[in-house]
Amino acid sequence: MKPIAQSLTSALSAAGLPVEGVSLGDHADKTTWRVVYTSAATEADKALGASIVAAFDSSTVVTSRQISTRDFFRRWTKQERAKVRSAGRQNDDVADLSEELRSGSTVDLTSPLLLSGLRSLKAVLIPSVWANDTVAETRIAELIA
């Protein structure tokens, strides 16, 4: 399920509505959105659902950006990869980040856990690979762009 549809379905379910899901035609046009209710739905449930849909702000839904793990690691310089490998033998946070990244076939570039993990690398990569905090933040932005 796509993030907007999933978020809307979650909002409807959280209100206690008996829904199977939603169908979004044009994401920018709520008149094309349809809620699929179970047979247990009453007219009052459907009215409440319509008000939830009307109030739903899809601009607040964060959509993920995923790339393959291989493509993510290709963004790293050889020097960065080598330093992270060696640091992972001595630093549990770096080891955990490396293990997490290698365990999946994709990397979600919008993940707060990824950003937190990359920022924890600053302690390992400054000054040996990244000259200072400004360079580190620039590289992190490049890695998740």
N, C-alpha and C. Protein backbone atom coordinates (compact mmCIF):
# COMPACT_ATOMS: atom_id res chain seq x y z
N MET A 1 0.85 -1.18 0.00
CA MET A 1 0.00 0.00 0.00
C MET A 1 0.89 1.24 0.00
N LYS A 2 0.51 2.24 -0.76
CA LYS A 2 1.29 3.47 -0.83
C LYS A 2 1.14 4.27 0.45
N PRO A 3 2.12 5.11 0.78
CA PRO A 3 2.11 5.82 2.07
C PRO A 3 0.86 6.65 2.34
N ILE A 4 0.34 7.38 1.35
CA ILE A 4 -0.84 8.21 1.59
C ILE A 4 -2.05 7.32 1.87
N ALA A 5 -2.23 6.29 1.06
CA ALA A 5 -3.36 5.37 1.27
C ALA A 5 -3.23 4.67 2.61
N GLN A 6 -2.03 4.27 2.96
CA GLN A 6 -1.80 3.59 4.23
C GLN A 6 -2.09 4.52 5.40
N SER A 7 -1.65 5.76 5.31
CA SER A 7 -1.89 6.73 6.38
C SER A 7 -3.38 7.03 6.54
N LEU A 8 -4.08 7.17 5.42
CA LEU A 8 -5.51 7.44 5.49
C LEU A 8 -6.25 6.23 6.06
N THR A 9 -5.90 5.04 5.61
CA THR A 9 -6.53 3.83 6.15
C THR A 9 -6.28 3.72 7.64
N SER A 10 -5.07 4.05 8.09
CA SER A 10 -4.76 4.02 9.52
C SER A 10 -5.60 5.03 10.29
N ALA A 11 -5.78 6.22 9.73
CA ALA A 11 -6.59 7.25 10.40
C ALA A 11 -8.04 6.80 10.53
N LEU A 12 -8.57 6.19 9.50
CA LEU A 12 -9.95 5.70 9.52
C LEU A 12 -10.09 4.57 10.54
N SER A 13 -9.15 3.65 10.54
CA SER A 13 -9.18 2.52 11.48
C SER A 13 -9.02 3.01 12.92
N ALA A 14 -8.17 4.00 13.13
CA ALA A 14 -7.95 4.54 14.47
C ALA A 14 -9.23 5.17 15.03
N ALA A 15 -10.09 5.62 14.13
CA ALA A 15 -11.37 6.19 14.55
C ALA A 15 -12.40 5.09 14.82
N GLY A 16 -11.98 3.84 14.67
CA GLY A 16 -12.87 2.71 14.94
C GLY A 16 -13.78 2.36 13.78
N LEU A 17 -13.45 2.86 12.60
CA LEU A 17 -14.31 2.59 11.44
C LEU A 17 -13.96 1.24 10.82
N PRO A 18 -14.98 0.49 10.40
CA PRO A 18 -14.73 -0.82 9.79
C PRO A 18 -14.37 -0.67 8.30
N VAL A 19 -13.09 -0.47 8.03
CA VAL A 19 -12.65 -0.26 6.65
C VAL A 19 -11.74 -1.39 6.20
N GLU A 20 -11.83 -1.69 4.92
CA GLU A 20 -10.92 -2.64 4.30
C GLU A 20 -9.72 -1.92 3.72
N GLY A 21 -9.92 -0.68 3.31
CA GLY A 21 -8.85 0.10 2.72
C GLY A 21 -9.41 1.30 1.98
N VAL A 22 -8.54 1.94 1.20
CA VAL A 22 -8.96 3.09 0.41
C VAL A 22 -8.39 2.97 -1.00
N SER A 23 -9.00 3.67 -1.91
CA SER A 23 -8.54 3.76 -3.28
C SER A 23 -8.38 5.24 -3.60
N LEU A 24 -7.20 5.62 -4.02
CA LEU A 24 -6.95 7.02 -4.35
C LEU A 24 -6.78 7.14 -5.85
N GLY A 25 -7.68 7.85 -6.49
CA GLY A 25 -7.53 8.09 -7.93
C GLY A 25 -6.40 9.08 -8.14
N ASP A 26 -6.76 10.35 -8.19
CA ASP A 26 -5.79 11.44 -8.29
C ASP A 26 -5.47 11.88 -6.87
N HIS A 27 -4.23 11.77 -6.46
CA HIS A 27 -3.83 12.10 -5.09
C HIS A 27 -4.16 13.55 -4.72
N ALA A 28 -4.20 14.42 -5.72
CA ALA A 28 -4.46 15.84 -5.45
C ALA A 28 -5.95 16.17 -5.44
N ASP A 29 -6.80 15.20 -5.81
CA ASP A 29 -8.24 15.45 -5.93
C ASP A 29 -9.01 14.47 -5.04
N LYS A 30 -9.41 14.93 -3.88
CA LYS A 30 -10.09 14.04 -2.92
C LYS A 30 -11.42 13.51 -3.43
N THR A 31 -12.00 14.16 -4.45
CA THR A 31 -13.26 13.64 -4.99
C THR A 31 -13.05 12.30 -5.69
N THR A 32 -11.80 11.96 -5.97
CA THR A 32 -11.51 10.66 -6.60
C THR A 32 -11.13 9.59 -5.58
N TRP A 33 -11.10 9.96 -4.31
CA TRP A 33 -10.74 9.01 -3.26
C TRP A 33 -11.97 8.22 -2.85
N ARG A 34 -11.81 6.92 -2.63
CA ARG A 34 -12.90 6.06 -2.21
C ARG A 34 -12.49 5.24 -1.00
N VAL A 35 -13.36 5.20 0.00
CA VAL A 35 -13.13 4.36 1.17
C VAL A 35 -13.91 3.07 0.95
N VAL A 36 -13.24 1.95 1.16
CA VAL A 36 -13.90 0.65 1.03
C VAL A 36 -14.19 0.15 2.45
N TYR A 37 -15.48 0.12 2.75
CA TYR A 37 -15.94 -0.28 4.09
C TYR A 37 -16.29 -1.76 4.10
N THR A 38 -16.23 -2.36 5.29
CA THR A 38 -16.73 -3.72 5.45
C THR A 38 -18.26 -3.66 5.51
N SER A 39 -18.89 -4.81 5.48
CA SER A 39 -20.36 -4.85 5.51
C SER A 39 -20.91 -4.36 6.86
N ALA A 40 -20.06 -4.28 7.86
CA ALA A 40 -20.51 -3.83 9.19
C ALA A 40 -20.64 -2.31 9.29
N ALA A 41 -20.21 -1.58 8.30
CA ALA A 41 -20.24 -0.11 8.35
C ALA A 41 -21.66 0.42 8.30
N THR A 42 -21.94 1.36 9.18
CA THR A 42 -23.25 2.02 9.20
C THR A 42 -23.16 3.33 8.43
N GLU A 43 -24.30 3.96 8.22
CA GLU A 43 -24.30 5.28 7.56
C GLU A 43 -23.55 6.30 8.41
N ALA A 44 -23.66 6.17 9.73
CA ALA A 44 -22.93 7.08 10.63
C ALA A 44 -21.42 6.86 10.47
N ASP A 45 -21.00 5.60 10.33
CA ASP A 45 -19.58 5.30 10.10
C ASP A 45 -19.11 5.97 8.81
N LYS A 46 -19.92 5.85 7.78
CA LYS A 46 -19.54 6.42 6.47
C LYS A 46 -19.49 7.95 6.52
N ALA A 47 -20.39 8.54 7.29
CA ALA A 47 -20.37 10.01 7.44
C ALA A 47 -19.11 10.45 8.19
N LEU A 48 -18.77 9.71 9.25
CA LEU A 48 -17.54 10.02 9.98
C LEU A 48 -16.33 9.83 9.07
N GLY A 49 -16.33 8.76 8.29
CA GLY A 49 -15.24 8.51 7.35
C GLY A 49 -15.09 9.64 6.35
N ALA A 50 -16.21 10.15 5.86
CA ALA A 50 -16.16 11.26 4.89
C ALA A 50 -15.55 12.51 5.53
N SER A 51 -15.85 12.74 6.80
CA SER A 51 -15.27 13.91 7.46
C SER A 51 -13.77 13.71 7.69
N ILE A 52 -13.37 12.50 7.97
CA ILE A 52 -11.93 12.22 8.15
C ILE A 52 -11.19 12.42 6.83
N VAL A 53 -11.78 11.93 5.74
CA VAL A 53 -11.16 12.12 4.42
C VAL A 53 -11.07 13.61 4.10
N ALA A 54 -12.13 14.36 4.36
CA ALA A 54 -12.12 15.80 4.07
C ALA A 54 -11.05 16.54 4.85
N ALA A 55 -10.81 16.10 6.08
CA ALA A 55 -9.82 16.78 6.94
C ALA A 55 -8.41 16.25 6.74
N PHE A 56 -8.26 15.13 6.04
CA PHE A 56 -6.95 14.49 5.90
C PHE A 56 -6.00 15.35 5.08
N ASP A 57 -4.82 15.61 5.61
CA ASP A 57 -3.81 16.44 4.94
C ASP A 57 -2.70 15.54 4.41
N SER A 58 -2.77 15.21 3.14
CA SER A 58 -1.80 14.29 2.56
C SER A 58 -0.40 14.89 2.47
N SER A 59 -0.29 16.22 2.60
CA SER A 59 1.04 16.84 2.51
C SER A 59 1.90 16.52 3.74
N THR A 60 1.27 16.04 4.80
CA THR A 60 2.05 15.70 6.00
C THR A 60 2.56 14.26 5.97
N VAL A 61 2.15 13.49 4.96
CA VAL A 61 2.58 12.11 4.87
C VAL A 61 3.97 12.07 4.24
N VAL A 62 4.89 11.47 4.96
CA VAL A 62 6.25 11.35 4.45
C VAL A 62 6.33 10.10 3.58
N THR A 63 6.73 10.31 2.35
CA THR A 63 6.91 9.17 1.47
C THR A 63 8.37 8.77 1.49
N SER A 64 8.60 7.49 1.51
CA SER A 64 9.98 7.03 1.58
C SER A 64 10.63 7.09 0.21
N ARG A 65 11.93 7.19 0.22
CA ARG A 65 12.72 7.10 -1.01
C ARG A 65 13.69 5.96 -0.78
N GLN A 66 13.51 4.90 -1.55
CA GLN A 66 14.34 3.73 -1.35
C GLN A 66 15.23 3.50 -2.55
N ILE A 67 16.44 3.05 -2.26
CA ILE A 67 17.37 2.62 -3.30
C ILE A 67 17.94 1.29 -2.86
N SER A 68 18.55 0.59 -3.78
CA SER A 68 19.14 -0.69 -3.42
C SER A 68 20.33 -0.46 -2.48
N THR A 69 20.57 -1.43 -1.64
CA THR A 69 21.71 -1.34 -0.72
C THR A 69 22.99 -1.17 -1.51
N ARG A 70 23.10 -1.89 -2.60
CA ARG A 70 24.30 -1.79 -3.45
C ARG A 70 24.49 -0.36 -3.94
N ASP A 71 23.42 0.26 -4.45
CA ASP A 71 23.53 1.63 -4.93
C ASP A 71 23.86 2.61 -3.80
N PHE A 72 23.33 2.33 -2.60
CA PHE A 72 23.65 3.19 -1.47
C PHE A 72 25.15 3.12 -1.15
N PHE A 73 25.70 1.92 -1.10
CA PHE A 73 27.13 1.79 -0.79
C PHE A 73 28.01 2.33 -1.90
N ARG A 74 27.52 2.38 -3.11
CA ARG A 74 28.29 2.98 -4.21
C ARG A 74 28.44 4.49 -4.05
N ARG A 75 27.60 5.09 -3.22
CA ARG A 75 27.70 6.53 -2.96
C ARG A 75 28.88 6.85 -2.03
N TRP A 76 29.35 5.87 -1.30
CA TRP A 76 30.44 6.06 -0.35
C TRP A 76 31.78 6.02 -1.08
N THR A 77 32.72 6.82 -0.62
CA THR A 77 34.07 6.75 -1.18
C THR A 77 34.75 5.50 -0.64
N LYS A 78 35.80 5.09 -1.30
CA LYS A 78 36.57 3.92 -0.86
C LYS A 78 37.13 4.17 0.56
N GLN A 79 37.60 5.37 0.79
CA GLN A 79 38.15 5.73 2.10
C GLN A 79 37.08 5.68 3.19
N GLU A 80 35.87 6.17 2.88
CA GLU A 80 34.78 6.12 3.86
C GLU A 80 34.41 4.68 4.20
N ARG A 81 34.28 3.84 3.18
CA ARG A 81 33.93 2.43 3.41
C ARG A 81 34.97 1.73 4.26
N ALA A 82 36.23 1.96 3.95
CA ALA A 82 37.32 1.31 4.70
C ALA A 82 37.31 1.74 6.17
N LYS A 83 37.12 3.02 6.41
CA LYS A 83 37.12 3.53 7.79
C LYS A 83 35.93 2.99 8.57
N VAL A 84 34.77 2.92 7.94
CA VAL A 84 33.57 2.39 8.61
C VAL A 84 33.78 0.91 8.93
N ARG A 85 34.36 0.15 8.00
CA ARG A 85 34.63 -1.27 8.26
C ARG A 85 35.54 -1.44 9.47
N SER A 86 36.63 -0.68 9.51
CA SER A 86 37.57 -0.83 10.62
C SER A 86 36.97 -0.31 11.93
N ALA A 87 36.21 0.77 11.86
CA ALA A 87 35.59 1.32 13.07
C ALA A 87 34.54 0.38 13.63
N GLY A 88 33.88 -0.36 12.75
CA GLY A 88 32.85 -1.29 13.18
C GLY A 88 33.37 -2.40 14.07
N ARG A 89 34.65 -2.66 13.98
CA ARG A 89 35.26 -3.68 14.85
C ARG A 89 35.44 -3.19 16.28
N GLN A 90 35.41 -1.86 16.45
CA GLN A 90 35.67 -1.28 17.77
C GLN A 90 34.50 -0.45 18.31
N ASN A 91 33.54 -0.13 17.48
CA ASN A 91 32.46 0.75 17.88
C ASN A 91 31.12 0.06 17.60
N ASP A 92 30.37 -0.23 18.65
CA ASP A 92 29.12 -0.97 18.51
C ASP A 92 28.09 -0.22 17.66
N ASP A 93 28.03 1.11 17.78
CA ASP A 93 27.07 1.88 16.99
C ASP A 93 27.36 1.76 15.50
N VAL A 94 28.62 1.84 15.14
CA VAL A 94 29.01 1.71 13.74
C VAL A 94 28.75 0.28 13.26
N ALA A 95 29.06 -0.69 14.09
CA ALA A 95 28.80 -2.09 13.72
C ALA A 95 27.31 -2.32 13.50
N ASP A 96 26.48 -1.76 14.39
CA ASP A 96 25.02 -1.92 14.26
C ASP A 96 24.51 -1.28 12.98
N LEU A 97 25.00 -0.08 12.65
CA LEU A 97 24.57 0.59 11.43
C LEU A 97 24.97 -0.23 10.21
N SER A 98 26.20 -0.70 10.18
CA SER A 98 26.66 -1.51 9.05
C SER A 98 25.84 -2.77 8.89
N GLU A 99 25.58 -3.43 10.01
CA GLU A 99 24.80 -4.67 9.97
C GLU A 99 23.38 -4.40 9.47
N GLU A 100 22.77 -3.34 9.97
CA GLU A 100 21.41 -2.99 9.55
C GLU A 100 21.36 -2.68 8.06
N LEU A 101 22.33 -1.93 7.57
CA LEU A 101 22.35 -1.58 6.15
C LEU A 101 22.55 -2.81 5.28
N ARG A 102 23.41 -3.70 5.69
CA ARG A 102 23.71 -4.89 4.88
C ARG A 102 22.62 -5.96 4.97
N SER A 103 21.74 -5.87 5.97
CA SER A 103 20.75 -6.92 6.17
C SER A 103 19.58 -6.84 5.19
N GLY A 104 19.38 -5.71 4.56
CA GLY A 104 18.24 -5.56 3.65
C GLY A 104 18.69 -5.37 2.22
N SER A 105 17.74 -5.50 1.31
CA SER A 105 18.05 -5.30 -0.10
C SER A 105 17.86 -3.85 -0.52
N THR A 106 17.17 -3.06 0.34
CA THR A 106 16.98 -1.65 0.03
C THR A 106 17.31 -0.80 1.25
N VAL A 107 17.57 0.48 1.00
CA VAL A 107 17.82 1.46 2.05
C VAL A 107 16.80 2.57 1.88
N ASP A 108 16.08 2.90 2.96
CA ASP A 108 15.11 3.99 2.94
C ASP A 108 15.87 5.26 3.30
N LEU A 109 16.05 6.12 2.31
CA LEU A 109 16.84 7.34 2.50
C LEU A 109 16.15 8.37 3.39
N THR A 110 14.87 8.16 3.70
CA THR A 110 14.15 9.08 4.57
C THR A 110 14.06 8.58 6.01
N SER A 111 14.64 7.44 6.28
CA SER A 111 14.53 6.82 7.60
C SER A 111 15.26 7.64 8.66
N PRO A 112 14.57 8.00 9.73
CA PRO A 112 15.25 8.71 10.83
C PRO A 112 16.37 7.87 11.44
N LEU A 113 16.21 6.55 11.43
CA LEU A 113 17.26 5.68 11.96
C LEU A 113 18.53 5.76 11.11
N LEU A 114 18.35 5.84 9.79
CA LEU A 114 19.51 5.97 8.91
C LEU A 114 20.22 7.29 9.18
N LEU A 115 19.46 8.37 9.24
CA LEU A 115 20.07 9.68 9.48
C LEU A 115 20.79 9.72 10.81
N SER A 116 20.19 9.16 11.84
CA SER A 116 20.82 9.11 13.15
C SER A 116 22.11 8.29 13.09
N GLY A 117 22.05 7.17 12.41
CA GLY A 117 23.24 6.33 12.28
C GLY A 117 24.35 7.03 11.52
N LEU A 118 24.00 7.72 10.45
CA LEU A 118 25.02 8.45 9.69
C LEU A 118 25.64 9.56 10.53
N ARG A 119 24.81 10.23 11.31
CA ARG A 119 25.36 11.30 12.17
C ARG A 119 26.27 10.72 13.24
N SER A 120 25.99 9.49 13.69
CA SER A 120 26.88 8.88 14.69
C SER A 120 28.25 8.57 14.10
N LEU A 121 28.33 8.48 12.78
CA LEU A 121 29.61 8.23 12.12
C LEU A 121 30.55 9.42 12.19
N LYS A 122 29.99 10.59 12.47
CA LYS A 122 30.85 11.77 12.52
C LYS A 122 31.97 11.58 13.54
N ALA A 123 31.67 10.96 14.64
CA ALA A 123 32.69 10.74 15.67
C ALA A 123 33.81 9.84 15.16
N VAL A 124 33.47 8.98 14.24
CA VAL A 124 34.44 8.02 13.71
C VAL A 124 35.21 8.61 12.52
N LEU A 125 34.51 9.37 11.67
CA LEU A 125 35.12 9.83 10.42
C LEU A 125 35.74 11.23 10.48
N ILE A 126 35.47 11.98 11.57
CA ILE A 126 36.13 13.28 11.74
C ILE A 126 37.32 13.06 12.66
N PRO A 127 38.49 13.49 12.40
CA PRO A 127 38.97 14.21 11.22
C PRO A 127 39.63 13.30 10.19
N SER A 128 39.65 11.99 10.42
CA SER A 128 40.41 11.11 9.54
C SER A 128 39.90 11.07 8.10
N VAL A 129 38.58 11.18 7.90
CA VAL A 129 38.03 11.14 6.54
C VAL A 129 37.30 12.45 6.23
N TRP A 130 36.46 12.89 7.14
CA TRP A 130 35.76 14.16 6.98
C TRP A 130 36.48 15.21 7.81
N ALA A 131 36.84 16.32 7.20
CA ALA A 131 37.69 17.31 7.86
C ALA A 131 37.04 17.93 9.10
N ASN A 132 35.74 18.18 9.04
CA ASN A 132 35.07 18.84 10.17
C ASN A 132 33.57 18.59 10.10
N ASP A 133 32.83 19.17 11.00
CA ASP A 133 31.39 18.94 11.09
C ASP A 133 30.66 19.42 9.83
N THR A 134 31.09 20.53 9.26
CA THR A 134 30.45 21.06 8.06
C THR A 134 30.63 20.10 6.89
N VAL A 135 31.83 19.58 6.72
CA VAL A 135 32.08 18.61 5.65
C VAL A 135 31.25 17.35 5.90
N ALA A 136 31.17 16.92 7.16
CA ALA A 136 30.40 15.72 7.51
C ALA A 136 28.92 15.90 7.15
N GLU A 137 28.34 17.03 7.51
CA GLU A 137 26.93 17.28 7.21
C GLU A 137 26.69 17.34 5.70
N THR A 138 27.64 17.91 4.97
CA THR A 138 27.52 17.96 3.50
C THR A 138 27.55 16.56 2.92
N ARG A 139 28.47 15.72 3.40
CA ARG A 139 28.55 14.34 2.90
C ARG A 139 27.30 13.54 3.25
N ILE A 140 26.79 13.72 4.47
CA ILE A 140 25.56 13.01 4.87
C ILE A 140 24.42 13.41 3.94
N ALA A 141 24.30 14.71 3.64
CA ALA A 141 23.26 15.18 2.73
C ALA A 141 23.43 14.56 1.34
N GLU A 142 24.66 14.42 0.89
CA GLU A 142 24.92 13.79 -0.41
C GLU A 142 24.55 12.31 -0.39
N LEU A 143 24.84 11.64 0.69
CA LEU A 143 24.55 10.20 0.80
C LEU A 143 23.06 9.91 0.77
N ILE A 144 22.26 10.82 1.32
CA ILE A 144 20.82 10.56 1.38
C ILE A 144 20.03 11.32 0.31
N ALA A 145 20.72 12.03 -0.57
CA ALA A 145 20.04 12.81 -1.63
C ALA A 145 19.38 11.90 -2.65
